[in-house]
Amino acid sequence: YSERIKSRIWSNRYELQENAQRNAMEFAAEGWNWRNVTEDEGMYICSASGELVHPVHCQHLVAEESAATSSLERGSPVH
């Protein structure tokens, strides 16, 4: 195969490591139980690329938003 074709068919060791780390994080968020995996319908969709994004990668955004909203609702001072 040409280098162009090889790069599209196979992942290099860096891509494999990155994918393995991402998969481990996602599977850990699901309690290491295959019955709890998030299906496509439960994923977010990246507006830039159209790729599916596992909810675990968005938790910090949701937590920050809800913390900011809840602290404002409780009347806490904003600095």
PDB file of N, CA and C in Angstrom:
ATOM      1  N   TYR A   1       0.828  -1.187   0.000  1.00  0.00           N
ATOM      2  CA  TYR A   1       0.000   0.000   0.000  1.00  0.00           C
ATOM      3  C   TYR A   1       0.876   1.256   0.000  1.00  0.00           C
ATOM      4  N   SER A   2       0.334   2.322  -0.556  1.00  0.00           N
ATOM      5  CA  SER A   2       1.048   3.596  -0.522  1.00  0.00           C
ATOM      6  C   SER A   2       0.968   4.163   0.904  1.00  0.00           C
ATOM      7  N   GLU A   3       1.808   5.125   1.211  1.00  0.00           N
ATOM      8  CA  GLU A   3       1.796   5.756   2.544  1.00  0.00           C
ATOM      9  C   GLU A   3       0.454   6.429   2.812  1.00  0.00           C
ATOM     10  N   ARG A   4      -0.126   7.033   1.796  1.00  0.00           N
ATOM     11  CA  ARG A   4      -1.423   7.702   1.948  1.00  0.00           C
ATOM     12  C   ARG A   4      -2.504   6.695   2.337  1.00  0.00           C
ATOM     13  N   ILE A   5      -2.534   5.580   1.654  1.00  0.00           N
ATOM     14  CA  ILE A   5      -3.530   4.541   1.948  1.00  0.00           C
ATOM     15  C   ILE A   5      -3.272   3.938   3.324  1.00  0.00           C
ATOM     16  N   LYS A   6      -2.017   3.649   3.625  1.00  0.00           N
ATOM     17  CA  LYS A   6      -1.678   3.069   4.941  1.00  0.00           C
ATOM     18  C   LYS A   6      -2.121   3.979   6.070  1.00  0.00           C
ATOM     19  N   SER A   7      -1.918   5.283   5.910  1.00  0.00           N
ATOM     20  CA  SER A   7      -2.268   6.217   6.984  1.00  0.00           C
ATOM     21  C   SER A   7      -3.773   6.291   7.206  1.00  0.00           C
ATOM     22  N   ARG A   8      -4.548   5.950   6.181  1.00  0.00           N
ATOM     23  CA  ARG A   8      -6.007   5.978   6.317  1.00  0.00           C
ATOM     24  C   ARG A   8      -6.564   4.653   6.833  1.00  0.00           C
ATOM     25  N   ILE A   9      -5.859   3.573   6.581  1.00  0.00           N
ATOM     26  CA  ILE A   9      -6.333   2.249   6.984  1.00  0.00           C
ATOM     27  C   ILE A   9      -5.896   1.902   8.406  1.00  0.00           C
ATOM     28  N   TRP A  10      -4.630   2.160   8.716  1.00  0.00           N
ATOM     29  CA  TRP A  10      -4.072   1.746   9.995  1.00  0.00           C
ATOM     30  C   TRP A  10      -3.710   2.938  10.862  1.00  0.00           C
ATOM     31  N   SER A  11      -3.794   2.733  12.169  1.00  0.00           N
ATOM     32  CA  SER A  11      -3.389   3.753  13.138  1.00  0.00           C
ATOM     33  C   SER A  11      -1.940   3.518  13.527  1.00  0.00           C
ATOM     34  N   ASN A  12      -1.223   4.600  13.778  1.00  0.00           N
ATOM     35  CA  ASN A  12       0.145   4.448  14.271  1.00  0.00           C
ATOM     36  C   ASN A  12       0.102   4.228  15.780  1.00  0.00           C
ATOM     37  N   ARG A  13       1.238   3.999  16.377  1.00  0.00           N
ATOM     38  CA  ARG A  13       1.271   3.663  17.806  1.00  0.00           C
ATOM     39  C   ARG A  13       0.759   4.807  18.676  1.00  0.00           C
ATOM     40  N   TYR A  14       0.928   6.032  18.243  1.00  0.00           N
ATOM     41  CA  TYR A  14       0.454   7.177  19.025  1.00  0.00           C
ATOM     42  C   TYR A  14      -1.075   7.256  18.998  1.00  0.00           C
ATOM     43  N   GLU A  15      -1.651   7.019  17.836  1.00  0.00           N
ATOM     44  CA  GLU A  15      -3.108   6.995  17.722  1.00  0.00           C
ATOM     45  C   GLU A  15      -3.692   5.837  18.535  1.00  0.00           C
ATOM     46  N   LEU A  16      -3.031   4.687  18.481  1.00  0.00           N
ATOM     47  CA  LEU A  16      -3.501   3.535  19.255  1.00  0.00           C
ATOM     48  C   LEU A  16      -3.500   3.836  20.749  1.00  0.00           C
ATOM     49  N   GLN A  17      -2.419   4.457  21.236  1.00  0.00           N
ATOM     50  CA  GLN A  17      -2.322   4.794  22.653  1.00  0.00           C
ATOM     51  C   GLN A  17      -3.398   5.807  23.043  1.00  0.00           C
ATOM     52  N   GLU A  18      -3.595   6.824  22.208  1.00  0.00           N
ATOM     53  CA  GLU A  18      -4.614   7.839  22.465  1.00  0.00           C
ATOM     54  C   GLU A  18      -6.008   7.220  22.505  1.00  0.00           C
ATOM     55  N   ASN A  19      -6.295   6.347  21.555  1.00  0.00           N
ATOM     56  CA  ASN A  19      -7.597   5.674  21.507  1.00  0.00           C
ATOM     57  C   ASN A  19      -7.796   4.769  22.720  1.00  0.00           C
ATOM     58  N   ALA A  20      -6.759   4.052  23.121  1.00  0.00           N
ATOM     59  CA  ALA A  20      -6.849   3.165  24.287  1.00  0.00           C
ATOM     60  C   ALA A  20      -7.118   3.969  25.556  1.00  0.00           C
ATOM     61  N   GLN A  21      -6.453   5.105  25.715  1.00  0.00           N
ATOM     62  CA  GLN A  21      -6.672   5.945  26.894  1.00  0.00           C
ATOM     63  C   GLN A  21      -8.098   6.512  26.897  1.00  0.00           C
ATOM     64  N   ARG A  22      -8.551   6.971  25.748  1.00  0.00           N
ATOM     65  CA  ARG A  22      -9.912   7.510  25.649  1.00  0.00           C
ATOM     66  C   ARG A  22     -10.937   6.417  25.951  1.00  0.00           C
ATOM     67  N   ASN A  23     -10.737   5.228  25.371  1.00  0.00           N
ATOM     68  CA  ASN A  23     -11.669   4.123  25.600  1.00  0.00           C
ATOM     69  C   ASN A  23     -11.704   3.712  27.061  1.00  0.00           C
ATOM     70  N   ALA A  24     -10.543   3.699  27.712  1.00  0.00           N
ATOM     71  CA  ALA A  24     -10.488   3.336  29.132  1.00  0.00           C
ATOM     72  C   ALA A  24     -11.243   4.351  29.975  1.00  0.00           C
ATOM     73  N   MET A  25     -11.088   5.635  29.670  1.00  0.00           N
ATOM     74  CA  MET A  25     -11.797   6.678  30.416  1.00  0.00           C
ATOM     75  C   MET A  25     -13.309   6.531  30.241  1.00  0.00           C
ATOM     76  N   GLU A  26     -13.735   6.285  29.022  1.00  0.00           N
ATOM     77  CA  GLU A  26     -15.158   6.134  28.745  1.00  0.00           C
ATOM     78  C   GLU A  26     -15.730   4.886  29.416  1.00  0.00           C
ATOM     79  N   PHE A  27     -14.996   3.786  29.349  1.00  0.00           N
ATOM     80  CA  PHE A  27     -15.463   2.537  29.948  1.00  0.00           C
ATOM     81  C   PHE A  27     -15.483   2.651  31.474  1.00  0.00           C
ATOM     82  N   ALA A  28     -14.512   3.345  32.055  1.00  0.00           N
ATOM     83  CA  ALA A  28     -14.496   3.562  33.512  1.00  0.00           C
ATOM     84  C   ALA A  28     -15.716   4.376  33.933  1.00  0.00           C
ATOM     85  N   ALA A  29     -16.082   5.372  33.135  1.00  0.00           N
ATOM     86  CA  ALA A  29     -17.257   6.192  33.447  1.00  0.00           C
ATOM     87  C   ALA A  29     -18.542   5.367  33.409  1.00  0.00           C
ATOM     88  N   GLU A  30     -18.497   4.256  32.698  1.00  0.00           N
ATOM     89  CA  GLU A  30     -19.660   3.380  32.593  1.00  0.00           C
ATOM     90  C   GLU A  30     -19.600   2.235  33.601  1.00  0.00           C
ATOM     91  N   GLY A  31     -18.711   2.363  34.571  1.00  0.00           N
ATOM     92  CA  GLY A  31     -18.613   1.372  35.633  1.00  0.00           C
ATOM     93  C   GLY A  31     -17.954   0.075  35.207  1.00  0.00           C
ATOM     94  N   TRP A  32     -17.154   0.108  34.157  1.00  0.00           N
ATOM     95  CA  TRP A  32     -16.457  -1.079  33.651  1.00  0.00           C
ATOM     96  C   TRP A  32     -17.443  -2.199  33.330  1.00  0.00           C
ATOM     97  N   ASN A  33     -18.660  -1.832  32.952  1.00  0.00           N
ATOM     98  CA  ASN A  33     -19.706  -2.817  32.672  1.00  0.00           C
ATOM     99  C   ASN A  33     -20.213  -2.604  31.247  1.00  0.00           C
ATOM    100  N   TRP A  34     -20.047  -3.583  30.409  1.00  0.00           N
ATOM    101  CA  TRP A  34     -20.444  -3.443  29.010  1.00  0.00           C
ATOM    102  C   TRP A  34     -21.937  -3.226  28.858  1.00  0.00           C
ATOM    103  N   ARG A  35     -22.714  -3.615  29.862  1.00  0.00           N
ATOM    104  CA  ARG A  35     -24.165  -3.403  29.792  1.00  0.00           C
ATOM    105  C   ARG A  35     -24.540  -1.933  29.963  1.00  0.00           C
ATOM    106  N   ASN A  36     -23.614  -1.139  30.487  1.00  0.00           N
ATOM    107  CA  ASN A  36     -23.884   0.280  30.735  1.00  0.00           C
ATOM    108  C   ASN A  36     -23.327   1.200  29.661  1.00  0.00           C
ATOM    109  N   VAL A  37     -22.796   0.651  28.590  1.00  0.00           N
ATOM    110  CA  VAL A  37     -22.149   1.509  27.601  1.00  0.00           C
ATOM    111  C   VAL A  37     -23.133   2.499  26.999  1.00  0.00           C
ATOM    112  N   THR A  38     -22.633   3.663  26.680  1.00  0.00           N
ATOM    113  CA  THR A  38     -23.445   4.707  26.076  1.00  0.00           C
ATOM    114  C   THR A  38     -23.575   4.433  24.588  1.00  0.00           C
ATOM    115  N   GLU A  39     -24.801   4.309  24.144  1.00  0.00           N
ATOM    116  CA  GLU A  39     -25.074   4.069  22.718  1.00  0.00           C
ATOM    117  C   GLU A  39     -24.974   5.387  21.960  1.00  0.00           C
ATOM    118  N   ASP A  40     -24.998   5.308  20.645  1.00  0.00           N
ATOM    119  CA  ASP A  40     -24.884   6.498  19.800  1.00  0.00           C
ATOM    120  C   ASP A  40     -25.912   7.568  20.169  1.00  0.00           C
ATOM    121  N   GLU A  41     -27.117   7.164  20.517  1.00  0.00           N
ATOM    122  CA  GLU A  41     -28.174   8.110  20.845  1.00  0.00           C
ATOM    123  C   GLU A  41     -27.864   8.919  22.105  1.00  0.00           C
ATOM    124  N   GLY A  42     -26.981   8.399  22.958  1.00  0.00           N
ATOM    125  CA  GLY A  42     -26.621   9.078  24.193  1.00  0.00           C
ATOM    126  C   GLY A  42     -25.394   9.960  24.073  1.00  0.00           C
ATOM    127  N   MET A  43     -24.812  10.008  22.896  1.00  0.00           N
ATOM    128  CA  MET A  43     -23.608  10.800  22.667  1.00  0.00           C
ATOM    129  C   MET A  43     -23.967  12.227  22.276  1.00  0.00           C
ATOM    130  N   TYR A  44     -23.030  13.130  22.498  1.00  0.00           N
ATOM    131  CA  TYR A  44     -23.138  14.485  21.971  1.00  0.00           C
ATOM    132  C   TYR A  44     -22.559  14.478  20.563  1.00  0.00           C
ATOM    133  N   ILE A  45     -22.931  15.461  19.766  1.00  0.00           N
ATOM    134  CA  ILE A  45     -22.394  15.577  18.414  1.00  0.00           C
ATOM    135  C   ILE A  45     -21.581  16.856  18.332  1.00  0.00           C
ATOM    136  N   CYS A  46     -20.329  16.724  17.936  1.00  0.00           N
ATOM    137  CA  CYS A  46     -19.440  17.872  17.777  1.00  0.00           C
ATOM    138  C   CYS A  46     -19.951  18.726  16.621  1.00  0.00           C
ATOM    139  N   SER A  47     -20.180  20.016  16.889  1.00  0.00           N
ATOM    140  CA  SER A  47     -20.709  20.893  15.842  1.00  0.00           C
ATOM    141  C   SER A  47     -19.671  21.197  14.772  1.00  0.00           C
ATOM    142  N   ALA A  48     -18.394  21.075  15.085  1.00  0.00           N
ATOM    143  CA  ALA A  48     -17.340  21.368  14.107  1.00  0.00           C
ATOM    144  C   ALA A  48     -17.068  20.183  13.181  1.00  0.00           C
ATOM    145  N   SER A  49     -17.002  18.970  13.764  1.00  0.00           N
ATOM    146  CA  SER A  49     -16.602  17.807  12.967  1.00  0.00           C
ATOM    147  C   SER A  49     -17.732  16.814  12.697  1.00  0.00           C
ATOM    148  N   GLY A  50     -18.803  16.895  13.473  1.00  0.00           N
ATOM    149  CA  GLY A  50     -19.883  15.930  13.340  1.00  0.00           C
ATOM    150  C   GLY A  50     -19.613  14.616  14.048  1.00  0.00           C
ATOM    151  N   GLU A  51     -18.470  14.522  14.740  1.00  0.00           N
ATOM    152  CA  GLU A  51     -18.116  13.295  15.453  1.00  0.00           C
ATOM    153  C   GLU A  51     -18.951  13.148  16.718  1.00  0.00           C
ATOM    154  N   LEU A  52     -19.188  11.890  17.097  1.00  0.00           N
ATOM    155  CA  LEU A  52     -19.873  11.613  18.349  1.00  0.00           C
ATOM    156  C   LEU A  52     -18.899  11.785  19.501  1.00  0.00           C
ATOM    157  N   VAL A  53     -19.379  12.392  20.592  1.00  0.00           N
ATOM    158  CA  VAL A  53     -18.543  12.652  21.758  1.00  0.00           C
ATOM    159  C   VAL A  53     -19.203  12.011  22.968  1.00  0.00           C
ATOM    160  N   HIS A  54     -18.448  11.177  23.667  1.00  0.00           N
ATOM    161  CA  HIS A  54     -18.956  10.503  24.867  1.00  0.00           C
ATOM    162  C   HIS A  54     -19.251  11.554  25.941  1.00  0.00           C
ATOM    163  N   PRO A  55     -20.354  11.403  26.674  1.00  0.00           N
ATOM    164  CA  PRO A  55     -20.721  12.384  27.699  1.00  0.00           C
ATOM    165  C   PRO A  55     -19.647  12.617  28.772  1.00  0.00           C
ATOM    166  N   VAL A  56     -18.801  11.639  29.054  1.00  0.00           N
ATOM    167  CA  VAL A  56     -17.781  11.813  30.083  1.00  0.00           C
ATOM    168  C   VAL A  56     -16.838  12.971  29.730  1.00  0.00           C
ATOM    169  N   HIS A  57     -16.676  13.242  28.449  1.00  0.00           N
ATOM    170  CA  HIS A  57     -15.790  14.313  28.022  1.00  0.00           C
ATOM    171  C   HIS A  57     -16.447  15.685  28.150  1.00  0.00           C
ATOM    172  N   CYS A  58     -17.732  15.717  28.441  1.00  0.00           N
ATOM    173  CA  CYS A  58     -18.460  16.982  28.579  1.00  0.00           C
ATOM    174  C   CYS A  58     -18.898  17.241  30.014  1.00  0.00           C
ATOM    175  N   GLN A  59     -18.632  16.327  30.924  1.00  0.00           N
ATOM    176  CA  GLN A  59     -19.095  16.468  32.309  1.00  0.00           C
ATOM    177  C   GLN A  59     -18.587  17.737  32.954  1.00  0.00           C
ATOM    178  N   HIS A  60     -17.334  18.092  32.698  1.00  0.00           N
ATOM    179  CA  HIS A  60     -16.793  19.290  33.311  1.00  0.00           C
ATOM    180  C   HIS A  60     -17.540  20.538  32.851  1.00  0.00           C
ATOM    181  N   LEU A  61     -18.007  20.563  31.628  1.00  0.00           N
ATOM    182  CA  LEU A  61     -18.766  21.709  31.135  1.00  0.00           C
ATOM    183  C   LEU A  61     -20.123  21.798  31.822  1.00  0.00           C
ATOM    184  N   VAL A  62     -20.777  20.662  31.963  1.00  0.00           N
ATOM    185  CA  VAL A  62     -22.074  20.618  32.621  1.00  0.00           C
ATOM    186  C   VAL A  62     -21.925  20.979  34.097  1.00  0.00           C
ATOM    187  N   ALA A  63     -20.885  20.455  34.753  1.00  0.00           N
ATOM    188  CA  ALA A  63     -20.662  20.738  36.169  1.00  0.00           C
ATOM    189  C   ALA A  63     -20.374  22.225  36.389  1.00  0.00           C
ATOM    190  N   GLU A  64     -19.545  22.818  35.528  1.00  0.00           N
ATOM    191  CA  GLU A  64     -19.228  24.239  35.666  1.00  0.00           C
ATOM    192  C   GLU A  64     -20.475  25.094  35.454  1.00  0.00           C
ATOM    193  N   GLU A  65     -21.267  24.736  34.460  1.00  0.00           N
ATOM    194  CA  GLU A  65     -22.475  25.498  34.162  1.00  0.00           C
ATOM    195  C   GLU A  65     -23.473  25.399  35.302  1.00  0.00           C
ATOM    196  N   SER A  66     -23.692  24.184  35.816  1.00  0.00           N
ATOM    197  CA  SER A  66     -24.661  24.018  36.895  1.00  0.00           C
ATOM    198  C   SER A  66     -24.155  24.644  38.189  1.00  0.00           C
ATOM    199  N   ALA A  67     -22.854  24.608  38.439  1.00  0.00           N
ATOM    200  CA  ALA A  67     -22.303  25.241  39.630  1.00  0.00           C
ATOM    201  C   ALA A  67     -22.475  26.750  39.559  1.00  0.00           C
ATOM    202  N   ALA A  68     -22.219  27.327  38.422  1.00  0.00           N
ATOM    203  CA  ALA A  68     -22.377  28.772  38.255  1.00  0.00           C
ATOM    204  C   ALA A  68     -23.839  29.164  38.395  1.00  0.00           C
ATOM    205  N   THR A  69     -24.718  28.404  37.801  1.00  0.00           N
ATOM    206  CA  THR A  69     -26.148  28.698  37.867  1.00  0.00           C
ATOM    207  C   THR A  69     -26.673  28.508  39.278  1.00  0.00           C
ATOM    208  N   SER A  70     -26.307  27.400  39.908  1.00  0.00           N
ATOM    209  CA  SER A  70     -26.835  27.133  41.246  1.00  0.00           C
ATOM    210  C   SER A  70     -26.299  28.130  42.257  1.00  0.00           C
ATOM    211  N   SER A  71     -25.053  28.550  42.120  1.00  0.00           N
ATOM    212  CA  SER A  71     -24.527  29.515  43.082  1.00  0.00           C
ATOM    213  C   SER A  71     -25.192  30.864  42.893  1.00  0.00           C
ATOM    214  N   LEU A  72     -25.558  31.217  41.681  1.00  0.00           N
ATOM    215  CA  LEU A  72     -26.262  32.468  41.459  1.00  0.00           C
ATOM    216  C   LEU A  72     -27.680  32.388  41.999  1.00  0.00           C
ATOM    217  N   GLU A  73     -28.311  31.265  41.860  1.00  0.00           N
ATOM    218  CA  GLU A  73     -29.675  31.092  42.352  1.00  0.00           C
ATOM    219  C   GLU A  73     -29.721  31.142  43.872  1.00  0.00           C
ATOM    220  N   ARG A  74     -28.671  30.695  44.522  1.00  0.00           N
ATOM    221  CA  ARG A  74     -28.652  30.726  45.978  1.00  0.00           C
ATOM    222  C   ARG A  74     -28.316  32.108  46.510  1.00  0.00           C
ATOM    223  N   GLY A  75     -28.012  33.030  45.640  1.00  0.00           N
ATOM    224  CA  GLY A  75     -27.716  34.385  46.065  1.00  0.00           C
ATOM    225  C   GLY A  75     -26.299  34.583  46.554  1.00  0.00           C
ATOM    226  N   SER A  76     -25.404  33.666  46.244  1.00  0.00           N
ATOM    227  CA  SER A  76     -24.006  33.815  46.645  1.00  0.00           C
ATOM    228  C   SER A  76     -23.404  34.990  45.888  1.00  0.00           C
ATOM    229  N   PRO A  77     -22.482  35.699  46.542  1.00  0.00           N
ATOM    230  CA  PRO A  77     -21.844  36.832  45.848  1.00  0.00           C
ATOM    231  C   PRO A  77     -21.017  36.371  44.660  1.00  0.00           C
ATOM    232  N   VAL A  78     -21.001  37.173  43.632  1.00  0.00           N
ATOM    233  CA  VAL A  78     -20.216  36.896  42.449  1.00  0.00           C
ATOM    234  C   VAL A  78     -18.989  37.778  42.505  1.00  0.00           C
ATOM    235  N   HIS A  79     -17.817  37.189  42.373  1.00  0.00           N
ATOM    236  CA  HIS A  79     -16.567  37.950  42.463  1.00  0.00           C
ATOM    237  C   HIS A  79     -15.986  38.207  41.105  1.00  0.00           C
TER     238      HIS A  79
END
